[in-house]
Amino acid sequence: MSFGDFRPNPPDRVTLETASGYGYYGNQYEAKLVERTGFRGLFMEKFVDTEFTRVSGSHRDFPFDSAQIDYGIDWRPRLPIKGLMIRNYNSSFYLPCDSISLKSSEGKVRVLFELKRHSLVQLAAVVLLGAAFVFAIAIALFVKSDSLPTAIASYFFSLWSIRSILNSEIKTFPTILDLTVLSLCVLVVSIVALRLGWTARPRTTLHAHEPK
């Protein structure tokens, strides 16, 4: 943040306080202020790490974990704000400019914006899981019984490798992706069990009585 204050004796520090809400308490920070030649204003000497409150969504919704952020901050002393820069450093998400809304009053700013998961990550997850579902049905129904152990073992290893492909984007466990993978495992086991049970059941042969 930069402040448009150029009084004869400007403050050397500012106390920042984030707004509470949605079940979270606010936090307090202290930042040193410096003057920069040519900008006619006071600037925070360095970035301050802070938390952002999600209005909706969760990391457990991966790959559909886009989030709306509601961020409020006020500061003391009440210096007039000159600028607030929002920049997205997270390559997994993009920040639509039309989602940014800023409300400011004396000593207070409230910013609303949205971070959206990249469509390519979502498409990759959906395609991989869709293919896994097709192979689950094919293995369970059409692979010969003597080849089932090898096919199922290979399928399980391949199935969980989907998570390793997207692991750099996942921040928690379990997610929708993990629950879907687990469901596919249960589906394969269930269909194979039904198939083996059906083929192993005793068969009764009816013989017609010959007339005397």
N, C-alpha and C. Protein backbone atom coordinates (compact mmCIF):
# COMPACT_ATOMS: atom_id res chain seq x y z
N MET A 1 0.85 -1.19 0.00
CA MET A 1 0.00 0.00 0.00
C MET A 1 0.88 1.24 0.00
N SER A 2 0.41 2.27 -0.64
CA SER A 2 1.10 3.56 -0.61
C SER A 2 0.12 4.61 -0.11
N PHE A 3 0.66 5.60 0.59
CA PHE A 3 -0.17 6.62 1.22
C PHE A 3 0.22 8.00 0.69
N GLY A 4 -0.79 8.78 0.37
CA GLY A 4 -0.54 10.11 -0.17
C GLY A 4 -0.39 11.14 0.91
N ASP A 5 0.53 10.95 1.81
CA ASP A 5 0.72 11.88 2.91
C ASP A 5 2.14 12.41 2.88
N PHE A 6 2.26 13.74 2.82
CA PHE A 6 3.58 14.34 2.72
C PHE A 6 3.68 15.52 3.67
N ARG A 7 3.26 15.29 4.91
CA ARG A 7 3.30 16.35 5.92
C ARG A 7 4.73 16.61 6.36
N PRO A 8 4.97 17.74 7.06
CA PRO A 8 6.34 18.04 7.49
C PRO A 8 6.94 16.94 8.36
N ASN A 9 6.13 16.33 9.24
CA ASN A 9 6.63 15.27 10.11
C ASN A 9 5.79 14.00 9.90
N PRO A 10 5.99 13.29 8.81
CA PRO A 10 5.18 12.10 8.52
C PRO A 10 5.50 10.98 9.51
N PRO A 11 4.54 10.12 9.79
CA PRO A 11 4.79 8.99 10.69
C PRO A 11 5.75 8.00 10.04
N ASP A 12 6.50 7.29 10.87
CA ASP A 12 7.45 6.32 10.32
C ASP A 12 6.88 4.90 10.33
N ARG A 13 5.70 4.71 10.96
CA ARG A 13 5.10 3.40 11.01
C ARG A 13 3.59 3.51 10.88
N VAL A 14 2.99 2.43 10.45
CA VAL A 14 1.54 2.37 10.36
C VAL A 14 1.10 1.00 10.88
N THR A 15 0.01 1.00 11.64
CA THR A 15 -0.55 -0.24 12.16
C THR A 15 -1.71 -0.67 11.28
N LEU A 16 -1.62 -1.87 10.74
CA LEU A 16 -2.65 -2.41 9.85
C LEU A 16 -3.45 -3.47 10.59
N GLU A 17 -4.76 -3.46 10.35
CA GLU A 17 -5.63 -4.44 10.99
C GLU A 17 -6.61 -4.99 9.96
N THR A 18 -6.60 -6.31 9.77
CA THR A 18 -7.51 -6.92 8.81
C THR A 18 -8.87 -7.13 9.46
N ALA A 19 -9.91 -7.06 8.63
CA ALA A 19 -11.27 -7.18 9.13
C ALA A 19 -11.60 -8.63 9.48
N SER A 20 -12.42 -8.81 10.49
CA SER A 20 -12.90 -10.14 10.86
C SER A 20 -14.18 -10.45 10.10
N GLY A 21 -14.59 -11.70 10.14
CA GLY A 21 -15.83 -12.09 9.48
C GLY A 21 -15.76 -13.52 8.98
N TYR A 22 -16.94 -14.10 8.71
CA TYR A 22 -17.05 -15.48 8.21
C TYR A 22 -16.40 -16.48 9.16
N GLY A 23 -16.49 -16.17 10.47
CA GLY A 23 -15.95 -17.10 11.46
C GLY A 23 -14.47 -16.93 11.75
N TYR A 24 -13.82 -15.89 11.18
CA TYR A 24 -12.40 -15.67 11.38
C TYR A 24 -12.17 -14.34 12.11
N TYR A 25 -11.14 -14.32 12.96
CA TYR A 25 -10.74 -13.08 13.60
C TYR A 25 -9.79 -12.32 12.67
N GLY A 26 -9.76 -11.01 12.86
CA GLY A 26 -8.80 -10.21 12.11
C GLY A 26 -7.42 -10.29 12.74
N ASN A 27 -6.41 -9.85 12.01
CA ASN A 27 -5.04 -9.84 12.50
C ASN A 27 -4.48 -8.42 12.46
N GLN A 28 -3.43 -8.20 13.23
CA GLN A 28 -2.82 -6.88 13.30
C GLN A 28 -1.36 -6.97 12.90
N TYR A 29 -0.94 -5.99 12.12
CA TYR A 29 0.44 -5.94 11.63
C TYR A 29 0.98 -4.54 11.81
N GLU A 30 2.29 -4.44 11.85
CA GLU A 30 2.94 -3.13 11.91
C GLU A 30 3.92 -3.03 10.76
N ALA A 31 3.84 -1.95 10.00
CA ALA A 31 4.69 -1.78 8.82
C ALA A 31 5.45 -0.46 8.91
N LYS A 32 6.71 -0.53 8.53
CA LYS A 32 7.54 0.67 8.49
C LYS A 32 7.28 1.43 7.20
N LEU A 33 7.21 2.76 7.28
CA LEU A 33 6.95 3.61 6.12
C LEU A 33 8.22 4.34 5.70
N VAL A 34 8.39 4.49 4.41
CA VAL A 34 9.54 5.21 3.87
C VAL A 34 9.05 6.16 2.78
N GLU A 35 9.82 7.22 2.56
CA GLU A 35 9.52 8.14 1.47
C GLU A 35 10.37 7.76 0.25
N ARG A 36 9.75 7.88 -0.91
CA ARG A 36 10.46 7.56 -2.15
C ARG A 36 10.49 8.79 -3.04
N THR A 37 11.66 9.17 -3.45
CA THR A 37 11.84 10.35 -4.28
C THR A 37 11.14 10.17 -5.62
N GLY A 38 10.39 11.19 -6.00
CA GLY A 38 9.71 11.16 -7.28
C GLY A 38 8.27 10.67 -7.22
N PHE A 39 7.88 10.05 -6.10
CA PHE A 39 6.51 9.54 -5.99
C PHE A 39 5.63 10.40 -5.09
N ARG A 40 6.24 11.28 -4.31
CA ARG A 40 5.52 12.16 -3.41
C ARG A 40 4.48 11.38 -2.59
N GLY A 41 5.00 10.53 -1.73
CA GLY A 41 4.12 9.76 -0.87
C GLY A 41 4.91 8.85 0.04
N LEU A 42 4.20 8.21 0.93
CA LEU A 42 4.79 7.24 1.85
C LEU A 42 4.48 5.83 1.36
N PHE A 43 5.47 4.98 1.43
CA PHE A 43 5.30 3.61 0.98
C PHE A 43 5.65 2.66 2.11
N MET A 44 5.00 1.51 2.14
CA MET A 44 5.41 0.45 3.06
C MET A 44 6.78 -0.04 2.61
N GLU A 45 7.70 -0.20 3.56
CA GLU A 45 9.07 -0.57 3.22
C GLU A 45 9.14 -1.94 2.56
N LYS A 46 8.27 -2.88 2.97
CA LYS A 46 8.28 -4.23 2.39
C LYS A 46 6.87 -4.81 2.46
N PHE A 47 6.69 -5.90 1.75
CA PHE A 47 5.39 -6.57 1.74
C PHE A 47 5.07 -7.13 3.12
N VAL A 48 3.80 -7.19 3.42
CA VAL A 48 3.33 -7.79 4.66
C VAL A 48 2.52 -9.03 4.31
N ASP A 49 2.89 -10.17 4.87
CA ASP A 49 2.12 -11.40 4.66
C ASP A 49 0.81 -11.31 5.42
N THR A 50 -0.28 -11.64 4.75
CA THR A 50 -1.59 -11.55 5.38
C THR A 50 -2.46 -12.71 4.93
N GLU A 51 -3.60 -12.88 5.57
CA GLU A 51 -4.53 -13.96 5.23
C GLU A 51 -5.70 -13.38 4.44
N PHE A 52 -6.24 -14.22 3.54
CA PHE A 52 -7.41 -13.82 2.77
C PHE A 52 -8.56 -14.76 3.13
N THR A 53 -9.71 -14.17 3.40
CA THR A 53 -10.88 -14.93 3.81
C THR A 53 -11.69 -15.34 2.59
N ARG A 54 -11.95 -16.65 2.47
CA ARG A 54 -12.75 -17.16 1.37
C ARG A 54 -14.23 -17.04 1.73
N VAL A 55 -14.99 -16.39 0.86
CA VAL A 55 -16.43 -16.30 1.04
C VAL A 55 -17.08 -17.62 0.65
N SER A 56 -16.52 -18.29 -0.34
CA SER A 56 -17.07 -19.56 -0.81
C SER A 56 -15.94 -20.44 -1.30
N GLY A 57 -16.23 -21.74 -1.41
CA GLY A 57 -15.25 -22.66 -1.94
C GLY A 57 -14.27 -23.15 -0.90
N SER A 58 -13.57 -24.22 -1.24
CA SER A 58 -12.58 -24.81 -0.36
C SER A 58 -11.55 -25.54 -1.22
N HIS A 59 -10.33 -25.73 -0.69
CA HIS A 59 -9.31 -26.49 -1.42
C HIS A 59 -9.75 -27.93 -1.62
N ARG A 60 -10.66 -28.41 -0.78
CA ARG A 60 -11.16 -29.79 -0.93
C ARG A 60 -12.03 -29.95 -2.16
N ASP A 61 -12.44 -28.83 -2.78
CA ASP A 61 -13.25 -28.91 -4.00
C ASP A 61 -12.42 -29.10 -5.26
N PHE A 62 -11.11 -29.30 -5.13
CA PHE A 62 -10.25 -29.46 -6.31
C PHE A 62 -10.80 -30.55 -7.20
N PRO A 63 -10.86 -30.34 -8.54
CA PRO A 63 -10.32 -29.21 -9.32
C PRO A 63 -11.30 -28.05 -9.54
N PHE A 64 -12.39 -28.04 -8.77
CA PHE A 64 -13.40 -26.98 -8.93
C PHE A 64 -13.36 -26.05 -7.71
N ASP A 65 -12.15 -25.66 -7.31
CA ASP A 65 -11.97 -24.91 -6.07
C ASP A 65 -11.74 -23.42 -6.29
N SER A 66 -12.42 -22.83 -7.26
CA SER A 66 -12.36 -21.37 -7.41
C SER A 66 -12.92 -20.72 -6.15
N ALA A 67 -12.44 -19.53 -5.85
CA ALA A 67 -12.80 -18.91 -4.57
C ALA A 67 -13.11 -17.43 -4.72
N GLN A 68 -14.10 -16.98 -3.96
CA GLN A 68 -14.38 -15.56 -3.81
C GLN A 68 -13.73 -15.06 -2.53
N ILE A 69 -13.01 -13.97 -2.62
CA ILE A 69 -12.24 -13.44 -1.50
C ILE A 69 -12.84 -12.11 -1.04
N ASP A 70 -13.03 -11.98 0.26
CA ASP A 70 -13.50 -10.72 0.86
C ASP A 70 -12.41 -10.26 1.83
N TYR A 71 -11.73 -9.18 1.48
CA TYR A 71 -10.58 -8.72 2.27
C TYR A 71 -10.80 -7.28 2.71
N GLY A 72 -10.82 -7.09 4.03
CA GLY A 72 -10.97 -5.74 4.58
C GLY A 72 -9.78 -5.36 5.43
N ILE A 73 -9.37 -4.10 5.37
CA ILE A 73 -8.21 -3.65 6.14
C ILE A 73 -8.41 -2.18 6.54
N ASP A 74 -8.01 -1.86 7.75
CA ASP A 74 -7.94 -0.44 8.15
C ASP A 74 -6.58 -0.19 8.80
N TRP A 75 -6.25 1.08 9.02
CA TRP A 75 -4.91 1.40 9.49
C TRP A 75 -4.94 2.66 10.36
N ARG A 76 -3.92 2.75 11.18
CA ARG A 76 -3.72 3.91 12.06
C ARG A 76 -2.25 4.29 12.01
N PRO A 77 -1.91 5.57 11.92
CA PRO A 77 -2.81 6.73 11.85
C PRO A 77 -3.59 6.78 10.53
N ARG A 78 -4.63 7.60 10.50
CA ARG A 78 -5.54 7.63 9.36
C ARG A 78 -4.93 8.42 8.19
N LEU A 79 -3.98 7.84 7.54
CA LEU A 79 -3.37 8.48 6.38
C LEU A 79 -4.26 8.27 5.16
N PRO A 80 -4.32 9.25 4.26
CA PRO A 80 -5.10 9.04 3.03
C PRO A 80 -4.40 8.04 2.12
N ILE A 81 -5.14 7.06 1.64
CA ILE A 81 -4.55 6.02 0.81
C ILE A 81 -4.32 6.56 -0.60
N LYS A 82 -3.20 6.21 -1.17
CA LYS A 82 -2.87 6.68 -2.52
C LYS A 82 -3.03 5.57 -3.55
N GLY A 83 -2.75 4.34 -3.14
CA GLY A 83 -2.87 3.24 -4.10
C GLY A 83 -2.87 1.90 -3.42
N LEU A 84 -3.55 0.96 -4.02
CA LEU A 84 -3.58 -0.42 -3.55
C LEU A 84 -3.39 -1.32 -4.77
N MET A 85 -2.33 -2.11 -4.77
CA MET A 85 -2.02 -2.96 -5.92
C MET A 85 -2.38 -4.41 -5.61
N ILE A 86 -3.13 -5.04 -6.51
CA ILE A 86 -3.46 -6.45 -6.39
C ILE A 86 -2.78 -7.19 -7.54
N ARG A 87 -1.96 -8.15 -7.18
CA ARG A 87 -1.24 -8.93 -8.20
C ARG A 87 -1.29 -10.40 -7.83
N ASN A 88 -1.62 -11.24 -8.79
CA ASN A 88 -1.74 -12.67 -8.55
C ASN A 88 -0.40 -13.36 -8.82
N TYR A 89 0.18 -13.97 -7.77
CA TYR A 89 1.43 -14.71 -7.92
C TYR A 89 1.19 -16.21 -7.97
N ASN A 90 -0.04 -16.63 -7.92
CA ASN A 90 -0.37 -18.06 -7.93
C ASN A 90 -0.69 -18.49 -9.35
N SER A 91 0.21 -19.28 -9.93
CA SER A 91 0.05 -19.68 -11.33
C SER A 91 -1.09 -20.67 -11.53
N SER A 92 -1.61 -21.27 -10.45
CA SER A 92 -2.69 -22.24 -10.57
C SER A 92 -4.04 -21.57 -10.79
N PHE A 93 -4.13 -20.28 -10.48
CA PHE A 93 -5.38 -19.55 -10.59
C PHE A 93 -5.17 -18.31 -11.45
N TYR A 94 -6.25 -17.79 -11.98
CA TYR A 94 -6.17 -16.49 -12.64
C TYR A 94 -7.17 -15.55 -11.99
N LEU A 95 -6.89 -14.28 -12.08
CA LEU A 95 -7.68 -13.25 -11.40
C LEU A 95 -8.41 -12.41 -12.44
N PRO A 96 -9.72 -12.64 -12.65
CA PRO A 96 -10.47 -11.82 -13.61
C PRO A 96 -10.58 -10.38 -13.10
N CYS A 97 -10.18 -9.45 -13.93
CA CYS A 97 -10.20 -8.04 -13.53
C CYS A 97 -11.62 -7.55 -13.23
N ASP A 98 -12.62 -8.10 -13.95
CA ASP A 98 -13.98 -7.62 -13.74
C ASP A 98 -14.58 -8.14 -12.44
N SER A 99 -13.86 -9.01 -11.72
CA SER A 99 -14.37 -9.51 -10.44
C SER A 99 -13.92 -8.65 -9.26
N ILE A 100 -13.04 -7.67 -9.52
CA ILE A 100 -12.49 -6.86 -8.43
C ILE A 100 -13.44 -5.72 -8.11
N SER A 101 -13.77 -5.61 -6.83
CA SER A 101 -14.62 -4.51 -6.34
C SER A 101 -13.95 -3.91 -5.12
N LEU A 102 -13.79 -2.58 -5.11
CA LEU A 102 -13.09 -1.92 -4.02
C LEU A 102 -13.97 -0.81 -3.43
N LYS A 103 -14.11 -0.85 -2.10
CA LYS A 103 -14.85 0.19 -1.38
C LYS A 103 -13.91 0.79 -0.35
N SER A 104 -13.80 2.11 -0.36
CA SER A 104 -12.88 2.76 0.58
C SER A 104 -13.59 3.91 1.30
N SER A 105 -13.20 4.07 2.55
CA SER A 105 -13.63 5.22 3.34
C SER A 105 -12.41 5.65 4.15
N GLU A 106 -12.57 6.60 5.02
CA GLU A 106 -11.43 7.14 5.74
C GLU A 106 -10.79 6.07 6.62
N GLY A 107 -9.61 5.65 6.26
CA GLY A 107 -8.89 4.68 7.07
C GLY A 107 -9.35 3.25 6.91
N LYS A 108 -10.21 2.96 5.93
CA LYS A 108 -10.69 1.60 5.74
C LYS A 108 -10.81 1.29 4.25
N VAL A 109 -10.49 0.05 3.89
CA VAL A 109 -10.64 -0.41 2.51
C VAL A 109 -11.19 -1.84 2.55
N ARG A 110 -12.12 -2.10 1.67
CA ARG A 110 -12.65 -3.46 1.54
C ARG A 110 -12.55 -3.86 0.07
N VAL A 111 -11.89 -5.00 -0.18
CA VAL A 111 -11.66 -5.47 -1.53
C VAL A 111 -12.33 -6.84 -1.71
N LEU A 112 -13.12 -6.98 -2.76
CA LEU A 112 -13.70 -8.27 -3.12
C LEU A 112 -13.17 -8.66 -4.49
N PHE A 113 -12.72 -9.90 -4.61
CA PHE A 113 -12.24 -10.38 -5.91
C PHE A 113 -12.39 -11.89 -5.96
N GLU A 114 -12.13 -12.47 -7.12
CA GLU A 114 -12.32 -13.91 -7.32
C GLU A 114 -11.07 -14.52 -7.95
N LEU A 115 -10.67 -15.65 -7.43
CA LEU A 115 -9.59 -16.43 -8.01
C LEU A 115 -10.19 -17.68 -8.64
N LYS A 116 -9.94 -17.87 -9.93
CA LYS A 116 -10.54 -19.00 -10.65
C LYS A 116 -9.46 -20.01 -11.05
N ARG A 117 -9.77 -21.28 -10.80
CA ARG A 117 -8.85 -22.35 -11.20
C ARG A 117 -8.77 -22.39 -12.72
N HIS A 118 -7.56 -22.56 -13.25
CA HIS A 118 -7.37 -22.58 -14.69
C HIS A 118 -8.19 -23.70 -15.33
N SER A 119 -8.85 -23.39 -16.43
CA SER A 119 -9.72 -24.34 -17.10
C SER A 119 -8.97 -25.57 -17.59
N LEU A 120 -7.69 -25.41 -17.96
CA LEU A 120 -6.91 -26.55 -18.45
C LEU A 120 -6.71 -27.59 -17.36
N VAL A 121 -6.51 -27.15 -16.12
CA VAL A 121 -6.37 -28.09 -15.00
C VAL A 121 -7.67 -28.85 -14.79
N GLN A 122 -8.79 -28.14 -14.83
CA GLN A 122 -10.09 -28.79 -14.68
C GLN A 122 -10.36 -29.78 -15.80
N LEU A 123 -10.04 -29.37 -17.05
CA LEU A 123 -10.26 -30.25 -18.20
C LEU A 123 -9.39 -31.50 -18.10
N ALA A 124 -8.13 -31.35 -17.69
CA ALA A 124 -7.24 -32.50 -17.56
C ALA A 124 -7.76 -33.49 -16.53
N ALA A 125 -8.24 -32.97 -15.39
CA ALA A 125 -8.76 -33.85 -14.34
C ALA A 125 -10.00 -34.59 -14.81
N VAL A 126 -10.91 -33.89 -15.48
CA VAL A 126 -12.16 -34.51 -15.95
C VAL A 126 -11.87 -35.57 -17.01
N VAL A 127 -10.96 -35.27 -17.97
CA VAL A 127 -10.63 -36.23 -19.03
C VAL A 127 -9.97 -37.48 -18.45
N LEU A 128 -9.02 -37.30 -17.53
CA LEU A 128 -8.33 -38.44 -16.93
C LEU A 128 -9.29 -39.33 -16.13
N LEU A 129 -10.18 -38.71 -15.36
CA LEU A 129 -11.13 -39.49 -14.58
C LEU A 129 -12.18 -40.15 -15.47
N GLY A 130 -12.57 -39.47 -16.54
CA GLY A 130 -13.51 -40.06 -17.49
C GLY A 130 -12.91 -41.30 -18.15
N ALA A 131 -11.64 -41.20 -18.57
CA ALA A 131 -10.96 -42.35 -19.16
C ALA A 131 -10.81 -43.47 -18.15
N ALA A 132 -10.54 -43.12 -16.89
CA ALA A 132 -10.41 -44.13 -15.85
C ALA A 132 -11.72 -44.88 -15.63
N PHE A 133 -12.85 -44.18 -15.73
CA PHE A 133 -14.15 -44.82 -15.58
C PHE A 133 -14.39 -45.83 -16.72
N VAL A 134 -14.07 -45.43 -17.94
CA VAL A 134 -14.25 -46.32 -19.10
C VAL A 134 -13.40 -47.58 -18.94
N PHE A 135 -12.13 -47.40 -18.53
CA PHE A 135 -11.25 -48.57 -18.35
C PHE A 135 -11.71 -49.44 -17.19
N ALA A 136 -12.30 -48.82 -16.16
CA ALA A 136 -12.81 -49.61 -15.04
C ALA A 136 -13.89 -50.58 -15.51
N ILE A 137 -14.82 -50.10 -16.32
CA ILE A 137 -15.88 -50.96 -16.85
C ILE A 137 -15.30 -52.02 -17.78
N ALA A 138 -14.36 -51.62 -18.65
CA ALA A 138 -13.78 -52.55 -19.61
C ALA A 138 -13.01 -53.66 -18.91
N ILE A 139 -12.21 -53.31 -17.89
CA ILE A 139 -11.43 -54.33 -17.18
C ILE A 139 -12.35 -55.28 -16.42
N ALA A 140 -13.34 -54.71 -15.73
CA ALA A 140 -14.20 -55.53 -14.89
C ALA A 140 -15.07 -56.48 -15.69
N LEU A 141 -15.44 -56.12 -16.91
CA LEU A 141 -16.39 -56.93 -17.68
C LEU A 141 -15.76 -57.77 -18.77
N PHE A 142 -14.68 -57.32 -19.36
CA PHE A 142 -14.20 -57.97 -20.58
C PHE A 142 -12.84 -58.65 -20.48
N VAL A 143 -12.08 -58.38 -19.43
CA VAL A 143 -10.78 -59.05 -19.28
C VAL A 143 -11.02 -60.48 -18.82
N LYS A 144 -10.26 -61.42 -19.38
CA LYS A 144 -10.42 -62.82 -19.01
C LYS A 144 -10.08 -63.04 -17.55
N SER A 145 -10.73 -64.00 -16.94
CA SER A 145 -10.60 -64.23 -15.49
C SER A 145 -9.17 -64.48 -15.06
N ASP A 146 -8.40 -65.24 -15.86
CA ASP A 146 -7.02 -65.55 -15.48
C ASP A 146 -6.10 -64.33 -15.57
N SER A 147 -6.53 -63.27 -16.28
CA SER A 147 -5.71 -62.06 -16.42
C SER A 147 -6.19 -60.93 -15.50
N LEU A 148 -7.27 -61.17 -14.74
CA LEU A 148 -7.84 -60.11 -13.91
C LEU A 148 -6.88 -59.59 -12.83
N PRO A 149 -6.18 -60.46 -12.08
CA PRO A 149 -5.28 -59.92 -11.02
C PRO A 149 -4.25 -58.94 -11.56
N THR A 150 -3.61 -59.28 -12.67
CA THR A 150 -2.61 -58.38 -13.25
C THR A 150 -3.24 -57.10 -13.75
N ALA A 151 -4.39 -57.20 -14.41
CA ALA A 151 -5.06 -56.02 -14.97
C ALA A 151 -5.53 -55.08 -13.87
N ILE A 152 -6.09 -55.65 -12.79
CA ILE A 152 -6.60 -54.80 -11.70
C ILE A 152 -5.45 -54.13 -10.96
N ALA A 153 -4.36 -54.88 -10.71
CA ALA A 153 -3.20 -54.29 -10.03
C ALA A 153 -2.63 -53.13 -10.84
N SER A 154 -2.49 -53.31 -12.13
CA SER A 154 -1.98 -52.23 -13.00
C SER A 154 -2.94 -51.05 -13.00
N TYR A 155 -4.23 -51.35 -13.00
CA TYR A 155 -5.24 -50.28 -13.01
C TYR A 155 -5.16 -49.44 -11.74
N PHE A 156 -5.03 -50.09 -10.58
CA PHE A 156 -4.96 -49.35 -9.33
C PHE A 156 -3.76 -48.42 -9.28
N PHE A 157 -2.58 -48.93 -9.72
CA PHE A 157 -1.39 -48.08 -9.74
C PHE A 157 -1.57 -46.90 -10.70
N SER A 158 -2.16 -47.16 -11.85
CA SER A 158 -2.38 -46.09 -12.84
C SER A 158 -3.40 -45.08 -12.34
N LEU A 159 -4.40 -45.58 -11.62
CA LEU A 159 -5.46 -44.70 -11.13
C LEU A 159 -4.92 -43.68 -10.14
N TRP A 160 -4.11 -44.15 -9.18
CA TRP A 160 -3.58 -43.22 -8.19
C TRP A 160 -2.47 -42.34 -8.76
N SER A 161 -1.93 -42.70 -9.92
CA SER A 161 -0.93 -41.83 -10.54
C SER A 161 -1.57 -40.56 -11.10
N ILE A 162 -2.90 -40.59 -11.29
CA ILE A 162 -3.61 -39.38 -11.73
C ILE A 162 -3.39 -38.27 -10.71
N ARG A 163 -3.42 -38.62 -9.43
CA ARG A 163 -3.20 -37.62 -8.39
C ARG A 163 -1.78 -37.07 -8.44
N SER A 164 -0.80 -37.95 -8.70
CA SER A 164 0.58 -37.48 -8.76
C SER A 164 0.81 -36.53 -9.93
N ILE A 165 0.05 -36.72 -11.02
CA ILE A 165 0.16 -35.82 -12.16
C ILE A 165 -0.28 -34.41 -11.78
N LEU A 166 -1.34 -34.32 -10.96
CA LEU A 166 -1.90 -33.02 -10.59
C LEU A 166 -1.48 -32.60 -9.18
N ASN A 167 -0.52 -33.30 -8.60
CA ASN A 167 -0.18 -33.10 -7.19
C ASN A 167 0.28 -31.68 -6.88
N SER A 168 0.97 -31.05 -7.82
CA SER A 168 1.48 -29.70 -7.58
C SER A 168 0.36 -28.68 -7.40
N GLU A 169 -0.85 -29.01 -7.87
CA GLU A 169 -1.99 -28.09 -7.77
C GLU A 169 -2.84 -28.35 -6.53
N ILE A 170 -2.60 -29.47 -5.84
CA ILE A 170 -3.47 -29.89 -4.74
C ILE A 170 -2.83 -29.50 -3.41
N LYS A 171 -3.59 -28.85 -2.54
CA LYS A 171 -3.06 -28.35 -1.27
C LYS A 171 -3.59 -29.10 -0.06
N THR A 172 -4.49 -30.04 -0.24
CA THR A 172 -5.07 -30.73 0.91
C THR A 172 -5.50 -32.13 0.51
N PHE A 173 -5.93 -32.90 1.49
CA PHE A 173 -6.41 -34.27 1.27
C PHE A 173 -7.50 -34.55 2.29
N PRO A 174 -8.62 -35.19 1.92
CA PRO A 174 -8.98 -35.62 0.57
C PRO A 174 -9.68 -34.51 -0.19
N THR A 175 -9.68 -34.61 -1.50
CA THR A 175 -10.39 -33.67 -2.36
C THR A 175 -11.46 -34.43 -3.16
N ILE A 176 -12.21 -33.70 -3.96
CA ILE A 176 -13.18 -34.35 -4.85
C ILE A 176 -12.47 -35.34 -5.77
N LEU A 177 -11.27 -34.98 -6.21
CA LEU A 177 -10.49 -35.88 -7.06
C LEU A 177 -10.19 -37.19 -6.34
N ASP A 178 -9.75 -37.11 -5.08
CA ASP A 178 -9.42 -38.31 -4.32
C ASP A 178 -10.65 -39.18 -4.09
N LEU A 179 -11.77 -38.56 -3.76
CA LEU A 179 -12.99 -39.32 -3.52
C LEU A 179 -13.47 -40.01 -4.80
N THR A 180 -13.27 -39.36 -5.94
CA THR A 180 -13.64 -39.97 -7.22
C THR A 180 -12.75 -41.17 -7.53
N VAL A 181 -11.45 -41.02 -7.29
CA VAL A 181 -10.52 -42.13 -7.51
C VAL A 181 -10.88 -43.31 -6.61
N LEU A 182 -11.17 -43.03 -5.34
CA LEU A 182 -11.55 -44.08 -4.41
C LEU A 182 -12.85 -44.77 -4.85
N SER A 183 -13.79 -43.99 -5.35
CA SER A 183 -15.05 -44.55 -5.83
C SER A 183 -14.83 -45.48 -7.02
N LEU A 184 -13.90 -45.11 -7.91
CA LEU A 184 -13.58 -45.98 -9.05
C LEU A 184 -12.95 -47.30 -8.58
N CYS A 185 -12.12 -47.23 -7.54
CA CYS A 185 -11.54 -48.45 -6.99
C CYS A 185 -12.63 -49.38 -6.47
N VAL A 186 -13.56 -48.80 -5.71
CA VAL A 186 -14.66 -49.59 -5.16
C VAL A 186 -15.53 -50.15 -6.28
N LEU A 187 -15.75 -49.36 -7.33
CA LEU A 187 -16.56 -49.81 -8.47
C LEU A 187 -15.94 -51.03 -9.14
N VAL A 188 -14.63 -50.98 -9.40
CA VAL A 188 -13.96 -52.10 -10.06
C VAL A 188 -14.05 -53.36 -9.21
N VAL A 189 -13.76 -53.22 -7.91
CA VAL A 189 -13.81 -54.39 -7.02
C VAL A 189 -15.22 -54.97 -6.97
N SER A 190 -16.22 -54.12 -6.90
CA SER A 190 -17.61 -54.58 -6.80
C SER A 190 -18.04 -55.32 -8.06
N ILE A 191 -17.73 -54.75 -9.23
CA ILE A 191 -18.13 -55.39 -10.49
C ILE A 191 -17.41 -56.72 -10.67
N VAL A 192 -16.11 -56.77 -10.35
CA VAL A 192 -15.35 -58.02 -10.48
C VAL A 192 -15.90 -59.08 -9.52
N ALA A 193 -16.23 -58.66 -8.29
CA ALA A 193 -16.79 -59.61 -7.33
C ALA A 193 -18.11 -60.18 -7.83
N LEU A 194 -18.96 -59.32 -8.38
CA LEU A 194 -20.25 -59.79 -8.92
C LEU A 194 -20.03 -60.73 -10.11
N ARG A 195 -19.07 -60.37 -10.95
CA ARG A 195 -18.79 -61.22 -12.12
C ARG A 195 -18.30 -62.59 -11.71
N LEU A 196 -17.34 -62.64 -10.78
CA LEU A 196 -16.81 -63.93 -10.33
C LEU A 196 -17.86 -64.75 -9.59
N GLY A 197 -18.69 -64.04 -8.82
CA GLY A 197 -19.75 -64.74 -8.12
C GLY A 197 -20.77 -65.33 -9.07
N TRP A 198 -21.05 -64.63 -10.14
CA TRP A 198 -22.00 -65.11 -11.14
C TRP A 198 -21.47 -66.32 -11.90
N THR A 199 -20.19 -66.27 -12.28
CA THR A 199 -19.62 -67.39 -13.04
C THR A 199 -19.36 -68.61 -12.17
N ALA A 200 -19.20 -68.41 -10.85
CA ALA A 200 -18.89 -69.54 -9.97
C ALA A 200 -20.14 -70.20 -9.38
N ARG A 201 -21.28 -69.65 -9.60
CA ARG A 201 -22.49 -70.23 -9.00
C ARG A 201 -22.78 -71.59 -9.65
N PRO A 202 -23.31 -72.54 -8.88
CA PRO A 202 -23.60 -73.88 -9.44
C PRO A 202 -24.70 -73.82 -10.48
N ARG A 203 -24.54 -74.60 -11.52
CA ARG A 203 -25.53 -74.62 -12.59
C ARG A 203 -26.31 -75.94 -12.51
N THR A 204 -27.62 -75.87 -12.69
CA THR A 204 -28.50 -77.04 -12.63
C THR A 204 -28.93 -77.41 -14.04
N THR A 205 -28.69 -78.69 -14.40
CA THR A 205 -29.07 -79.16 -15.73
C THR A 205 -30.36 -79.98 -15.63
N LEU A 206 -31.34 -79.62 -16.37
CA LEU A 206 -32.62 -80.31 -16.36
C LEU A 206 -32.62 -81.35 -17.49
N HIS A 207 -33.00 -82.59 -17.16
CA HIS A 207 -33.08 -83.66 -18.15
C HIS A 207 -34.54 -84.03 -18.37
N ALA A 208 -34.92 -84.13 -19.60
CA ALA A 208 -36.31 -84.51 -19.92
C ALA A 208 -36.47 -86.03 -19.75
N HIS A 209 -37.57 -86.44 -19.18
CA HIS A 209 -37.85 -87.87 -19.01
C HIS A 209 -38.29 -88.47 -20.34
N GLU A 210 -37.67 -89.58 -20.66
CA GLU A 210 -38.07 -90.26 -21.93
C GLU A 210 -39.34 -91.06 -21.69
N PRO A 211 -40.25 -91.04 -22.61
CA PRO A 211 -41.48 -91.82 -22.44
C PRO A 211 -41.21 -93.32 -22.50
N LYS A 212 -41.87 -94.09 -21.64
CA LYS A 212 -41.70 -95.55 -21.63
C LYS A 212 -42.47 -96.18 -22.78
